[in-house]
Structures are given as C-alpha cells and as structure tokens.
C-alpha cells in the first residue's frame, strides 16, 4: 500500500490456542505487506485489559485464537469500538466459519488487509456478550466436561468423546420461556439461543442465520429419548432442526429463560452465567474484517408455535 501510512494493529495471540504453535513471522509479513504494522505489547493474560490500555495507540485489533479468545475480548471491542481482525487458531473456529474466513492464518491475515470492517451483532445474556450461541442443558453440560487439554489433543473429536459421556447421564428439565408477548413452559434437554450461524465444532443454529441479521435464533430439543439426538444430528449440522416435530424453533430479539433451579449457561464454549437468563441481541455491536455476507432471505417461525 505505497503512499498510504501504515495502520497500527494490536496483535494478540493466545499461546494456548490449539493451532497457536506456528511461526507468526509470515503473519507479520502479510500484515506489513498490506499496510498494517503489528504492535505486540508484553504478554498479559487479560486481553480485555490490553485492548483497553492500548486502544488510543491502535487502529484495529487482531486476535489469534479460538472462539473463547474472541468471546473474552468482546467487552473491550464494544467499549473501544476498534475493528477486529481474526486469525482462526482454535479448535472449532465457529465465528470464523460463520464469517467465511479462511482457516489458514496467513490467508486470514491477508484478508484483514484487503476487506472492510463490517458490522456484526452480538448476543448478550445477563450482561455477558457472545458471538455464536448460548445454551442451557446438554451443551452446557458438555462444555463443563470438555477440558482445554482434551480440545488441544483431540480437536473436534474431543466434542464427540465428551458428548457420549454427557448423553449417558442426561435428563430432561422444565423451562419457562417469555418472549414476544407470550409465555411457554416446555420440557427439554437443551435450549439454544444463537447470534451467529455455527457453533460446537460443526453444528448450525439455523440454516439462514447470519451474524448481522439483527435476530436471535432459538431452538429447544424436546426429545423423549437421548437416541433421538442421533437421528437429529444431520439436521443439527445443517441448521434445519426447527422443521422436526420435537424441536421448537423461532427467531426473536429478546427472550427470558427460567428454570426451577439455577442451571449454567454456556456462551461460546464457556460457562459464564446461570438461569434465570435474559437474552437479547445487540445489533451492529462490533466491526469485523470479513467478506460481504450473504443476506438472510427472511424470518420463519417453525416448530411449535402455540403458547402454553
């Protein structure tokens, strides 16, 4: 980018990311070739504090890590309004997949230098931001079983190994839903509230969802037997589970989920809060360097629709 002053990019890489052991030299070269000078302050485990501390010195933030790293940085990105570049280095990289980013970190670095920073929504539950999905029930139990070591060793296979353990002890529970002027009481094994498209290392919240559609996509797995999940797996991967008779699905902008006893809420793979859980969408909360997304064709209410 001859003649143009270099932008300064705050480059933070999670050293514990699954794919974080590669050399950053080629990434730095790709950024510099595209007119971005990487700035790497001394190590600090709290990326939120680092971003806030150096916000006035930088033009953008570049994060290398997985969805947990991005989730942890969300409050600082909202506060500072700095645009975000992503180097996908995690196990699942669900946000990167939702945005159509390349998985190779050097290609991802080049994209940051050529694409514009596009608005993206955030989900928020009890004051905790998330990019992809928040879940109560099966996925939250799964997140509790998954360790950083197992994800690093087994990758996405680690999700399957932990899922088998969780399935063996899973029991349905009752939730009360309040949304769009109605109240519903349902028995489920999991409720999920998605902001983005992908989650859980290969699952899809809703087939037409995008990160900038201003909507939350809700679904509840109201299956009678655990083995029914196996039959639903292809639909869960495609995001068409809302068409099944035992799956309740709809789009909304705000929902309150109550349970008889407090249950943990999983946000982008981290257990961050408990029920009662107040979910809402924060439209255009952050900007992310990414290709132009395919727009959502429309909103459809599927599955159960009658209030209880």
C-alpha atoms as a PDB file:
ATOM      1  CA  UNK A   1       0.000   0.000   0.000  1.00  0.00           C
ATOM      2  CA  UNK A   2       2.526   2.561  -1.232  1.00  0.00           C
ATOM      3  CA  UNK A   3       1.934   6.175  -0.307  1.00  0.00           C
ATOM      4  CA  UNK A   4      -0.545   5.358   2.452  1.00  0.00           C
ATOM      5  CA  UNK A   5       0.507   5.500   6.099  1.00  0.00           C
ATOM      6  CA  UNK A   6       0.505   2.127   7.779  1.00  0.00           C
ATOM      7  CA  UNK A   7      -2.338   1.314  10.108  1.00  0.00           C
ATOM      8  CA  UNK A   8      -1.297   0.064  13.539  1.00  0.00           C
ATOM      9  CA  UNK A   9      -2.766  -3.278  14.518  1.00  0.00           C
ATOM     10  CA  UNK A  10      -2.764  -4.516  18.111  1.00  0.00           C
ATOM     11  CA  UNK A  11      -1.774  -8.165  17.586  1.00  0.00           C
ATOM     12  CA  UNK A  12      -2.688 -10.542  20.414  1.00  0.00           C
ATOM     13  CA  UNK A  13      -2.246 -14.298  20.038  1.00  0.00           C
ATOM     14  CA  UNK A  14      -3.430 -16.847  22.574  1.00  0.00           C
ATOM     15  CA  UNK A  15      -0.374 -19.082  23.219  1.00  0.00           C
ATOM     16  CA  UNK A  16      -2.666 -21.895  24.371  1.00  0.00           C
ATOM     17  CA  UNK A  17      -4.738 -21.979  21.177  1.00  0.00           C
ATOM     18  CA  UNK A  18      -4.785 -25.399  19.522  1.00  0.00           C
ATOM     19  CA  UNK A  19      -3.122 -24.142  16.341  1.00  0.00           C
ATOM     20  CA  UNK A  20      -1.101 -21.475  18.093  1.00  0.00           C
ATOM     21  CA  UNK A  21       2.293 -23.168  17.795  1.00  0.00           C
ATOM     22  CA  UNK A  22       3.109 -21.911  14.274  1.00  0.00           C
ATOM     23  CA  UNK A  23       5.555 -19.093  13.494  1.00  0.00           C
ATOM     24  CA  UNK A  24       3.983 -15.658  13.422  1.00  0.00           C
ATOM     25  CA  UNK A  25       6.643 -14.255  11.123  1.00  0.00           C
ATOM     26  CA  UNK A  26       4.676 -14.998   7.937  1.00  0.00           C
ATOM     27  CA  UNK A  27       1.572 -13.446   9.506  1.00  0.00           C
ATOM     28  CA  UNK A  28       3.511 -10.310  10.406  1.00  0.00           C
ATOM     29  CA  UNK A  29       4.917 -10.130   6.861  1.00  0.00           C
ATOM     30  CA  UNK A  30       1.438 -10.491   5.352  1.00  0.00           C
ATOM     31  CA  UNK A  31       0.108  -7.700   7.550  1.00  0.00           C
ATOM     32  CA  UNK A  32       3.001  -5.372   6.736  1.00  0.00           C
ATOM     33  CA  UNK A  33       2.676  -6.075   3.016  1.00  0.00           C
ATOM     34  CA  UNK A  34      -0.955  -4.999   3.284  1.00  0.00           C
ATOM     35  CA  UNK A  35      -0.214  -1.765   5.119  1.00  0.00           C
ATOM     36  CA  UNK A  36      -0.730  -2.862   8.729  1.00  0.00           C
ATOM     37  CA  UNK A  37       2.109  -2.568  11.222  1.00  0.00           C
ATOM     38  CA  UNK A  38       1.612  -5.164  14.009  1.00  0.00           C
ATOM     39  CA  UNK A  39       2.074  -3.942  17.562  1.00  0.00           C
ATOM     40  CA  UNK A  40       2.629  -6.658  20.177  1.00  0.00           C
ATOM     41  CA  UNK A  41       2.797  -5.418  23.774  1.00  0.00           C
ATOM     42  CA  UNK A  42       4.334  -7.573  26.520  1.00  0.00           C
ATOM     43  CA  UNK A  43       2.293 -10.613  27.469  1.00  0.00           C
ATOM     44  CA  UNK A  44      -0.804 -10.179  29.602  1.00  0.00           C
ATOM     45  CA  UNK A  45      -3.378 -12.977  30.080  1.00  0.00           C
ATOM     46  CA  UNK A  46      -6.245 -10.480  30.152  1.00  0.00           C
ATOM     47  CA  UNK A  47      -6.774  -9.445  26.533  1.00  0.00           C
ATOM     48  CA  UNK A  48      -9.635  -7.138  27.547  1.00  0.00           C
ATOM     49  CA  UNK A  49      -7.292  -5.102  29.732  1.00  0.00           C
ATOM     50  CA  UNK A  50      -4.638  -4.982  26.985  1.00  0.00           C
ATOM     51  CA  UNK A  51      -7.111  -3.761  24.370  1.00  0.00           C
ATOM     52  CA  UNK A  52      -8.430  -1.021  26.642  1.00  0.00           C
ATOM     53  CA  UNK A  53      -4.924   0.008  27.675  1.00  0.00           C
ATOM     54  CA  UNK A  54      -3.666   0.426  24.100  1.00  0.00           C
ATOM     55  CA  UNK A  55      -6.878   1.453  22.320  1.00  0.00           C
ATOM     56  CA  UNK A  56      -5.740   5.029  21.706  1.00  0.00           C
ATOM     57  CA  UNK A  57      -2.495   3.825  20.107  1.00  0.00           C
ATOM     58  CA  UNK A  58      -4.036   1.469  17.530  1.00  0.00           C
ATOM     59  CA  UNK A  59      -6.342   1.477  14.521  1.00  0.00           C
ATOM     60  CA  UNK A  60      -7.544  -2.115  14.829  1.00  0.00           C
ATOM     61  CA  UNK A  61      -7.261  -5.263  16.952  1.00  0.00           C
ATOM     62  CA  UNK A  62      -6.040  -8.585  15.539  1.00  0.00           C
ATOM     63  CA  UNK A  63      -6.810 -11.619  17.685  1.00  0.00           C
ATOM     64  CA  UNK A  64      -5.248 -15.034  17.175  1.00  0.00           C
ATOM     65  CA  UNK A  65      -7.150 -17.772  18.968  1.00  0.00           C
ATOM     66  CA  UNK A  66     -10.427 -19.626  19.133  1.00  0.00           C
ATOM     67  CA  UNK A  67     -13.961 -18.615  19.967  1.00  0.00           C
ATOM     68  CA  UNK A  68     -13.147 -18.387  23.681  1.00  0.00           C
ATOM     69  CA  UNK A  69     -10.452 -15.794  22.973  1.00  0.00           C
ATOM     70  CA  UNK A  70     -12.850 -13.737  20.870  1.00  0.00           C
ATOM     71  CA  UNK A  71     -15.576 -14.033  23.490  1.00  0.00           C
ATOM     72  CA  UNK A  72     -13.228 -12.742  26.205  1.00  0.00           C
ATOM     73  CA  UNK A  73     -12.329  -9.709  24.089  1.00  0.00           C
ATOM     74  CA  UNK A  74     -15.914  -8.744  23.222  1.00  0.00           C
ATOM     75  CA  UNK A  75     -16.455  -6.226  26.076  1.00  0.00           C
ATOM     76  CA  UNK A  76     -13.308  -4.311  25.146  1.00  0.00           C
ATOM     77  CA  UNK A  77     -14.209  -4.308  21.446  1.00  0.00           C
ATOM     78  CA  UNK A  78     -17.652  -2.898  22.249  1.00  0.00           C
ATOM     79  CA  UNK A  79     -16.208  -0.228  24.546  1.00  0.00           C
ATOM     80  CA  UNK A  80     -13.306   0.894  22.342  1.00  0.00           C
ATOM     81  CA  UNK A  81     -15.146   0.469  19.010  1.00  0.00           C
ATOM     82  CA  UNK A  82     -11.926  -0.784  17.417  1.00  0.00           C
ATOM     83  CA  UNK A  83     -12.476  -3.045  14.378  1.00  0.00           C
ATOM     84  CA  UNK A  84     -11.465  -6.694  14.738  1.00  0.00           C
ATOM     85  CA  UNK A  85      -9.316  -8.907  12.550  1.00  0.00           C
ATOM     86  CA  UNK A  86      -9.406 -12.645  13.266  1.00  0.00           C
ATOM     87  CA  UNK A  87      -6.643 -15.254  12.950  1.00  0.00           C
ATOM     88  CA  UNK A  88      -8.515 -18.569  13.449  1.00  0.00           C
ATOM     89  CA  UNK A  89      -6.306 -20.648  15.752  1.00  0.00           C
ATOM     90  CA  UNK A  90      -8.837 -22.500  17.901  1.00  0.00           C
ATOM     91  CA  UNK A  91     -10.390 -25.948  17.850  1.00  0.00           C
ATOM     92  CA  UNK A  92     -13.694 -25.162  16.158  1.00  0.00           C
ATOM     93  CA  UNK A  93     -13.341 -21.538  14.945  1.00  0.00           C
ATOM     94  CA  UNK A  94     -17.115 -21.243  14.653  1.00  0.00           C
ATOM     95  CA  UNK A  95     -17.215 -17.466  14.282  1.00  0.00           C
ATOM     96  CA  UNK A  96     -14.605 -17.605  11.521  1.00  0.00           C
ATOM     97  CA  UNK A  97     -16.719 -20.211   9.726  1.00  0.00           C
ATOM     98  CA  UNK A  98     -19.849 -18.077  10.136  1.00  0.00           C
ATOM     99  CA  UNK A  99     -17.998 -15.139   8.571  1.00  0.00           C
ATOM    100  CA  UNK A 100     -16.479 -17.165   5.740  1.00  0.00           C
ATOM    101  CA  UNK A 101     -12.895 -16.517   6.850  1.00  0.00           C
ATOM    102  CA  UNK A 102     -10.019 -18.725   5.653  1.00  0.00           C
ATOM    103  CA  UNK A 103      -8.717 -21.163   8.267  1.00  0.00           C
ATOM    104  CA  UNK A 104      -5.104 -20.600   7.273  1.00  0.00           C
ATOM    105  CA  UNK A 105      -3.747 -17.790   9.494  1.00  0.00           C
ATOM    106  CA  UNK A 106      -1.622 -16.245   6.747  1.00  0.00           C
ATOM    107  CA  UNK A 107      -4.571 -16.086   4.352  1.00  0.00           C
ATOM    108  CA  UNK A 108      -6.684 -14.691   7.192  1.00  0.00           C
ATOM    109  CA  UNK A 109      -4.044 -12.000   7.787  1.00  0.00           C
ATOM    110  CA  UNK A 110      -4.094 -11.032   4.102  1.00  0.00           C
ATOM    111  CA  UNK A 111      -7.890 -10.786   4.230  1.00  0.00           C
ATOM    112  CA  UNK A 112      -7.653  -8.297   7.108  1.00  0.00           C
ATOM    113  CA  UNK A 113      -5.607  -6.014   4.857  1.00  0.00           C
ATOM    114  CA  UNK A 114      -8.000  -6.193   1.875  1.00  0.00           C
ATOM    115  CA  UNK A 115     -11.549  -6.459   3.280  1.00  0.00           C
ATOM    116  CA  UNK A 116     -13.523  -3.775   5.077  1.00  0.00           C
ATOM    117  CA  UNK A 117     -14.632  -3.989   8.700  1.00  0.00           C
ATOM    118  CA  UNK A 118     -18.302  -4.982   8.517  1.00  0.00           C
ATOM    119  CA  UNK A 119     -20.854  -4.610  11.326  1.00  0.00           C
ATOM    120  CA  UNK A 120     -21.735  -7.735  13.312  1.00  0.00           C
ATOM    121  CA  UNK A 121     -24.282  -8.339  16.061  1.00  0.00           C
ATOM    122  CA  UNK A 122     -23.568  -9.721  19.499  1.00  0.00           C
ATOM    123  CA  UNK A 123     -25.776 -11.820  21.695  1.00  0.00           C
ATOM    124  CA  UNK A 124     -25.970 -10.832  25.342  1.00  0.00           C
ATOM    125  CA  UNK A 125     -27.147 -12.939  28.284  1.00  0.00           C
ATOM    126  CA  UNK A 126     -27.223 -11.485  31.788  1.00  0.00           C
ATOM    127  CA  UNK A 127     -24.665  -8.903  30.688  1.00  0.00           C
ATOM    128  CA  UNK A 128     -22.290 -11.434  29.067  1.00  0.00           C
ATOM    129  CA  UNK A 129     -21.606 -10.971  25.349  1.00  0.00           C
ATOM    130  CA  UNK A 130     -21.311 -13.849  22.907  1.00  0.00           C
ATOM    131  CA  UNK A 131     -20.707 -14.188  19.168  1.00  0.00           C
ATOM    132  CA  UNK A 132     -22.078 -17.630  18.307  1.00  0.00           C
ATOM    133  CA  UNK A 133     -24.541 -19.341  20.623  1.00  0.00           C
ATOM    134  CA  UNK A 134     -25.588 -19.605  24.264  1.00  0.00           C
ATOM    135  CA  UNK A 135     -27.071 -22.872  25.527  1.00  0.00           C
ATOM    136  CA  UNK A 136     -28.652 -24.360  28.626  1.00  0.00           C
ATOM    137  CA  UNK A 137     -28.762 -28.110  29.167  1.00  0.00           C
ATOM    138  CA  UNK A 138     -26.834 -30.619  27.075  1.00  0.00           C
ATOM    139  CA  UNK A 139     -24.332 -28.182  25.540  1.00  0.00           C
ATOM    140  CA  UNK A 140     -23.642 -26.509  28.872  1.00  0.00           C
ATOM    141  CA  UNK A 141     -23.003 -29.908  30.451  1.00  0.00           C
ATOM    142  CA  UNK A 142     -20.760 -30.723  27.508  1.00  0.00           C
ATOM    143  CA  UNK A 143     -18.792 -27.507  27.990  1.00  0.00           C
ATOM    144  CA  UNK A 144     -18.299 -28.454  31.632  1.00  0.00           C
ATOM    145  CA  UNK A 145     -16.851 -31.826  30.609  1.00  0.00           C
ATOM    146  CA  UNK A 146     -14.541 -30.509  27.894  1.00  0.00           C
ATOM    147  CA  UNK A 147     -11.103 -29.552  29.142  1.00  0.00           C
ATOM    148  CA  UNK A 148      -8.614 -27.305  27.368  1.00  0.00           C
ATOM    149  CA  UNK A 149      -6.218 -30.257  27.240  1.00  0.00           C
ATOM    150  CA  UNK A 150      -8.733 -32.595  25.585  1.00  0.00           C
ATOM    151  CA  UNK A 151      -9.620 -29.950  22.965  1.00  0.00           C
ATOM    152  CA  UNK A 152      -5.948 -29.393  22.204  1.00  0.00           C
ATOM    153  CA  UNK A 153      -5.209 -33.122  21.893  1.00  0.00           C
ATOM    154  CA  UNK A 154      -8.358 -34.352  20.186  1.00  0.00           C
ATOM    155  CA  UNK A 155      -9.634 -31.275  18.356  1.00  0.00           C
ATOM    156  CA  UNK A 156     -13.265 -31.521  17.231  1.00  0.00           C
ATOM    157  CA  UNK A 157     -13.173 -35.253  18.045  1.00  0.00           C
ATOM    158  CA  UNK A 158     -12.985 -34.202  21.680  1.00  0.00           C
ATOM    159  CA  UNK A 159     -16.531 -32.845  21.397  1.00  0.00           C
ATOM    160  CA  UNK A 160     -17.795 -36.267  20.358  1.00  0.00           C
ATOM    161  CA  UNK A 161     -15.964 -38.102  23.118  1.00  0.00           C
ATOM    162  CA  UNK A 162     -17.313 -35.765  25.791  1.00  0.00           C
ATOM    163  CA  UNK A 163     -20.813 -35.850  24.244  1.00  0.00           C
ATOM    164  CA  UNK A 164     -21.062 -39.609  24.726  1.00  0.00           C
ATOM    165  CA  UNK A 165     -20.275 -39.222  28.424  1.00  0.00           C
ATOM    166  CA  UNK A 166     -22.847 -36.455  28.838  1.00  0.00           C
ATOM    167  CA  UNK A 167     -25.557 -38.365  26.949  1.00  0.00           C
ATOM    168  CA  UNK A 168     -25.371 -41.250  29.393  1.00  0.00           C
ATOM    169  CA  UNK A 169     -26.369 -39.067  32.338  1.00  0.00           C
ATOM    170  CA  UNK A 170     -28.648 -36.563  30.587  1.00  0.00           C
ATOM    171  CA  UNK A 171     -32.157 -35.939  31.994  1.00  0.00           C
ATOM    172  CA  UNK A 172     -34.927 -33.652  30.631  1.00  0.00           C
ATOM    173  CA  UNK A 173     -35.746 -30.479  32.577  1.00  0.00           C
ATOM    174  CA  UNK A 174     -38.500 -27.841  32.504  1.00  0.00           C
ATOM    175  CA  UNK A 175     -38.009 -24.267  31.323  1.00  0.00           C
ATOM    176  CA  UNK A 176     -40.339 -21.292  31.132  1.00  0.00           C
ATOM    177  CA  UNK A 177     -39.877 -19.048  28.103  1.00  0.00           C
ATOM    178  CA  UNK A 178     -41.012 -15.429  27.918  1.00  0.00           C
ATOM    179  CA  UNK A 179     -40.729 -13.749  24.522  1.00  0.00           C
ATOM    180  CA  UNK A 180     -42.708 -11.625  22.076  1.00  0.00           C
ATOM    181  CA  UNK A 181     -45.629 -11.208  24.475  1.00  0.00           C
ATOM    182  CA  UNK A 182     -46.107 -14.916  25.164  1.00  0.00           C
ATOM    183  CA  UNK A 183     -45.145 -17.408  27.871  1.00  0.00           C
ATOM    184  CA  UNK A 184     -44.346 -21.054  27.152  1.00  0.00           C
ATOM    185  CA  UNK A 185     -43.495 -23.863  29.547  1.00  0.00           C
ATOM    186  CA  UNK A 186     -41.633 -26.779  27.956  1.00  0.00           C
ATOM    187  CA  UNK A 187     -39.683 -29.898  28.857  1.00  0.00           C
ATOM    188  CA  UNK A 188     -36.368 -30.093  27.047  1.00  0.00           C
ATOM    189  CA  UNK A 189     -32.824 -31.419  27.113  1.00  0.00           C
ATOM    190  CA  UNK A 190     -31.365 -28.227  25.665  1.00  0.00           C
ATOM    191  CA  UNK A 191     -32.340 -24.699  24.721  1.00  0.00           C
ATOM    192  CA  UNK A 192     -30.019 -22.684  22.486  1.00  0.00           C
ATOM    193  CA  UNK A 193     -30.090 -19.009  21.588  1.00  0.00           C
ATOM    194  CA  UNK A 194     -27.883 -18.259  18.601  1.00  0.00           C
ATOM    195  CA  UNK A 195     -26.493 -14.956  17.398  1.00  0.00           C
ATOM    196  CA  UNK A 196     -24.282 -16.318  14.622  1.00  0.00           C
ATOM    197  CA  UNK A 197     -24.581 -19.318  12.340  1.00  0.00           C
ATOM    198  CA  UNK A 198     -22.182 -22.043  13.522  1.00  0.00           C
ATOM    199  CA  UNK A 199     -21.294 -23.432  16.948  1.00  0.00           C
ATOM    200  CA  UNK A 200     -19.983 -26.536  18.708  1.00  0.00           C
ATOM    201  CA  UNK A 201     -17.434 -27.590  16.125  1.00  0.00           C
ATOM    202  CA  UNK A 202     -19.791 -28.349  13.245  1.00  0.00           C
ATOM    203  CA  UNK A 203     -23.331 -27.552  14.365  1.00  0.00           C
ATOM    204  CA  UNK A 204     -25.551 -24.858  12.789  1.00  0.00           C
ATOM    205  CA  UNK A 205     -28.022 -22.773  14.774  1.00  0.00           C
ATOM    206  CA  UNK A 206     -30.303 -22.025  11.819  1.00  0.00           C
ATOM    207  CA  UNK A 207     -29.609 -22.564   8.139  1.00  0.00           C
ATOM    208  CA  UNK A 208     -30.271 -18.947   7.065  1.00  0.00           C
ATOM    209  CA  UNK A 209     -28.760 -17.152  10.076  1.00  0.00           C
ATOM    210  CA  UNK A 210     -26.061 -14.528   9.655  1.00  0.00           C
ATOM    211  CA  UNK A 211     -24.063 -12.540  12.187  1.00  0.00           C
ATOM    212  CA  UNK A 212     -25.631  -9.258  11.093  1.00  0.00           C
ATOM    213  CA  UNK A 213     -29.343 -10.083  10.742  1.00  0.00           C
ATOM    214  CA  UNK A 214     -30.430  -8.365  13.983  1.00  0.00           C
ATOM    215  CA  UNK A 215     -32.049 -11.570  15.261  1.00  0.00           C
ATOM    216  CA  UNK A 216     -31.545 -14.316  17.805  1.00  0.00           C
ATOM    217  CA  UNK A 217     -32.384 -17.842  16.649  1.00  0.00           C
ATOM    218  CA  UNK A 218     -33.873 -20.012  19.402  1.00  0.00           C
ATOM    219  CA  UNK A 219     -34.389 -23.749  19.421  1.00  0.00           C
ATOM    220  CA  UNK A 220     -35.364 -26.282  22.076  1.00  0.00           C
ATOM    221  CA  UNK A 221     -34.698 -30.022  21.790  1.00  0.00           C
ATOM    222  CA  UNK A 222     -37.847 -31.572  23.269  1.00  0.00           C
ATOM    223  CA  UNK A 223     -36.959 -35.195  22.543  1.00  0.00           C
ATOM    224  CA  UNK A 224     -38.320 -38.146  24.503  1.00  0.00           C
ATOM    225  CA  UNK A 225     -35.177 -40.314  24.317  1.00  0.00           C
ATOM    226  CA  UNK A 226     -31.494 -39.480  24.056  1.00  0.00           C
ATOM    227  CA  UNK A 227     -31.093 -41.630  20.942  1.00  0.00           C
ATOM    228  CA  UNK A 228     -33.377 -39.194  19.111  1.00  0.00           C
ATOM    229  CA  UNK A 229     -30.413 -36.798  19.106  1.00  0.00           C
ATOM    230  CA  UNK A 230     -28.564 -39.208  16.837  1.00  0.00           C
ATOM    231  CA  UNK A 231     -31.416 -39.052  14.327  1.00  0.00           C
ATOM    232  CA  UNK A 232     -31.414 -35.246  14.578  1.00  0.00           C
ATOM    233  CA  UNK A 233     -27.653 -34.935  14.076  1.00  0.00           C
ATOM    234  CA  UNK A 234     -27.772 -34.340  10.282  1.00  0.00           C
ATOM    235  CA  UNK A 235     -30.384 -31.598  10.783  1.00  0.00           C
ATOM    236  CA  UNK A 236     -28.381 -30.051  13.641  1.00  0.00           C
ATOM    237  CA  UNK A 237     -25.367 -29.860  11.357  1.00  0.00           C
ATOM    238  CA  UNK A 238     -27.377 -28.238   8.551  1.00  0.00           C
ATOM    239  CA  UNK A 239     -29.431 -25.956  10.806  1.00  0.00           C
ATOM    240  CA  UNK A 240     -32.764 -27.471   9.737  1.00  0.00           C
ATOM    241  CA  UNK A 241     -33.681 -28.973  13.129  1.00  0.00           C
ATOM    242  CA  UNK A 242     -36.532 -26.464  13.506  1.00  0.00           C
ATOM    243  CA  UNK A 243     -38.541 -28.459  10.956  1.00  0.00           C
ATOM    244  CA  UNK A 244     -38.681 -31.508  13.257  1.00  0.00           C
ATOM    245  CA  UNK A 245     -41.839 -32.141  15.304  1.00  0.00           C
ATOM    246  CA  UNK A 246     -39.913 -32.439  18.573  1.00  0.00           C
ATOM    247  CA  UNK A 247     -37.874 -29.251  18.102  1.00  0.00           C
ATOM    248  CA  UNK A 248     -39.299 -25.820  18.965  1.00  0.00           C
ATOM    249  CA  UNK A 249     -37.673 -23.042  16.935  1.00  0.00           C
ATOM    250  CA  UNK A 250     -38.259 -19.359  16.297  1.00  0.00           C
ATOM    251  CA  UNK A 251     -36.481 -16.041  15.777  1.00  0.00           C
ATOM    252  CA  UNK A 252     -36.690 -13.176  18.238  1.00  0.00           C
ATOM    253  CA  UNK A 253     -34.704 -10.234  19.591  1.00  0.00           C
ATOM    254  CA  UNK A 254     -35.167 -10.865  23.337  1.00  0.00           C
ATOM    255  CA  UNK A 255     -36.118 -13.833  25.498  1.00  0.00           C
ATOM    256  CA  UNK A 256     -36.167 -14.711  29.197  1.00  0.00           C
ATOM    257  CA  UNK A 257     -35.463 -18.327  30.176  1.00  0.00           C
ATOM    258  CA  UNK A 258     -36.321 -19.503  33.687  1.00  0.00           C
ATOM    259  CA  UNK A 259     -35.678 -22.885  35.339  1.00  0.00           C
ATOM    260  CA  UNK A 260     -36.789 -24.299  38.685  1.00  0.00           C
ATOM    261  CA  UNK A 261     -33.193 -24.486  39.892  1.00  0.00           C
ATOM    262  CA  UNK A 262     -30.291 -22.404  38.566  1.00  0.00           C
ATOM    263  CA  UNK A 263     -28.658 -24.038  35.567  1.00  0.00           C
ATOM    264  CA  UNK A 264     -25.361 -22.967  33.941  1.00  0.00           C
ATOM    265  CA  UNK A 265     -25.370 -21.071  30.644  1.00  0.00           C
ATOM    266  CA  UNK A 266     -22.713 -21.861  28.054  1.00  0.00           C
ATOM    267  CA  UNK A 267     -21.638 -18.884  25.923  1.00  0.00           C
ATOM    268  CA  UNK A 268     -19.280 -19.748  23.057  1.00  0.00           C
ATOM    269  CA  UNK A 269     -17.918 -22.731  24.986  1.00  0.00           C
ATOM    270  CA  UNK A 270     -17.516 -21.002  28.353  1.00  0.00           C
ATOM    271  CA  UNK A 271     -19.817 -21.338  31.380  1.00  0.00           C
ATOM    272  CA  UNK A 272     -20.422 -17.661  32.102  1.00  0.00           C
ATOM    273  CA  UNK A 273     -23.732 -17.274  33.998  1.00  0.00           C
ATOM    274  CA  UNK A 274     -26.825 -19.120  35.307  1.00  0.00           C
ATOM    275  CA  UNK A 275     -30.578 -19.080  34.862  1.00  0.00           C
ATOM    276  CA  UNK A 276     -32.745 -17.090  35.023  1.00  0.00           C
ATOM    277  CA  UNK A 277     -31.188 -15.993  31.740  1.00  0.00           C
ATOM    278  CA  UNK A 278     -32.186 -12.799  29.930  1.00  0.00           C
ATOM    279  CA  UNK A 279     -31.077 -12.907  26.294  1.00  0.00           C
ATOM    280  CA  UNK A 280     -31.088 -10.022  23.854  1.00  0.00           C
ATOM    281  CA  UNK A 281     -29.412  -9.132  20.580  1.00  0.00           C
ATOM    282  CA  UNK A 282     -27.107  -6.110  20.345  1.00  0.00           C
ATOM    283  CA  UNK A 283     -27.271  -5.087  16.665  1.00  0.00           C
ATOM    284  CA  UNK A 284     -24.090  -3.894  14.945  1.00  0.00           C
ATOM    285  CA  UNK A 285     -22.181  -4.042  18.226  1.00  0.00           C
ATOM    286  CA  UNK A 286     -18.750  -4.679  16.679  1.00  0.00           C
ATOM    287  CA  UNK A 287     -16.996  -4.470  13.315  1.00  0.00           C
ATOM    288  CA  UNK A 288     -15.053  -7.422  11.886  1.00  0.00           C
ATOM    289  CA  UNK A 289     -12.869  -7.605   8.779  1.00  0.00           C
ATOM    290  CA  UNK A 290     -14.693 -10.162   6.647  1.00  0.00           C
ATOM    291  CA  UNK A 291     -16.121 -10.829   3.170  1.00  0.00           C
ATOM    292  CA  UNK A 292     -19.558  -9.442   2.369  1.00  0.00           C
ATOM    293  CA  UNK A 293     -22.065 -11.873   3.963  1.00  0.00           C
ATOM    294  CA  UNK A 294     -24.996 -13.449   2.198  1.00  0.00           C
ATOM    295  CA  UNK A 295     -28.109 -11.724   3.461  1.00  0.00           C
ATOM    296  CA  UNK A 296     -30.776 -13.648   5.300  1.00  0.00           C
ATOM    297  CA  UNK A 297     -33.755 -14.114   2.926  1.00  0.00           C
ATOM    298  CA  UNK A 298     -36.404 -13.862   5.648  1.00  0.00           C
ATOM    299  CA  UNK A 299     -37.505 -14.932   9.095  1.00  0.00           C
ATOM    300  CA  UNK A 300     -39.617 -18.007   9.566  1.00  0.00           C
ATOM    301  CA  UNK A 301     -41.217 -19.358  12.725  1.00  0.00           C
ATOM    302  CA  UNK A 302     -41.018 -23.133  12.714  1.00  0.00           C
ATOM    303  CA  UNK A 303     -41.740 -25.992  15.067  1.00  0.00           C
ATOM    304  CA  UNK A 304     -44.190 -25.373  17.924  1.00  0.00           C
ATOM    305  CA  UNK A 305     -45.994 -22.050  17.866  1.00  0.00           C
ATOM    306  CA  UNK A 306     -48.727 -22.322  20.485  1.00  0.00           C
ATOM    307  CA  UNK A 307     -48.207 -20.688  23.870  1.00  0.00           C
ATOM    308  CA  UNK A 308     -48.645 -22.915  26.883  1.00  0.00           C
END
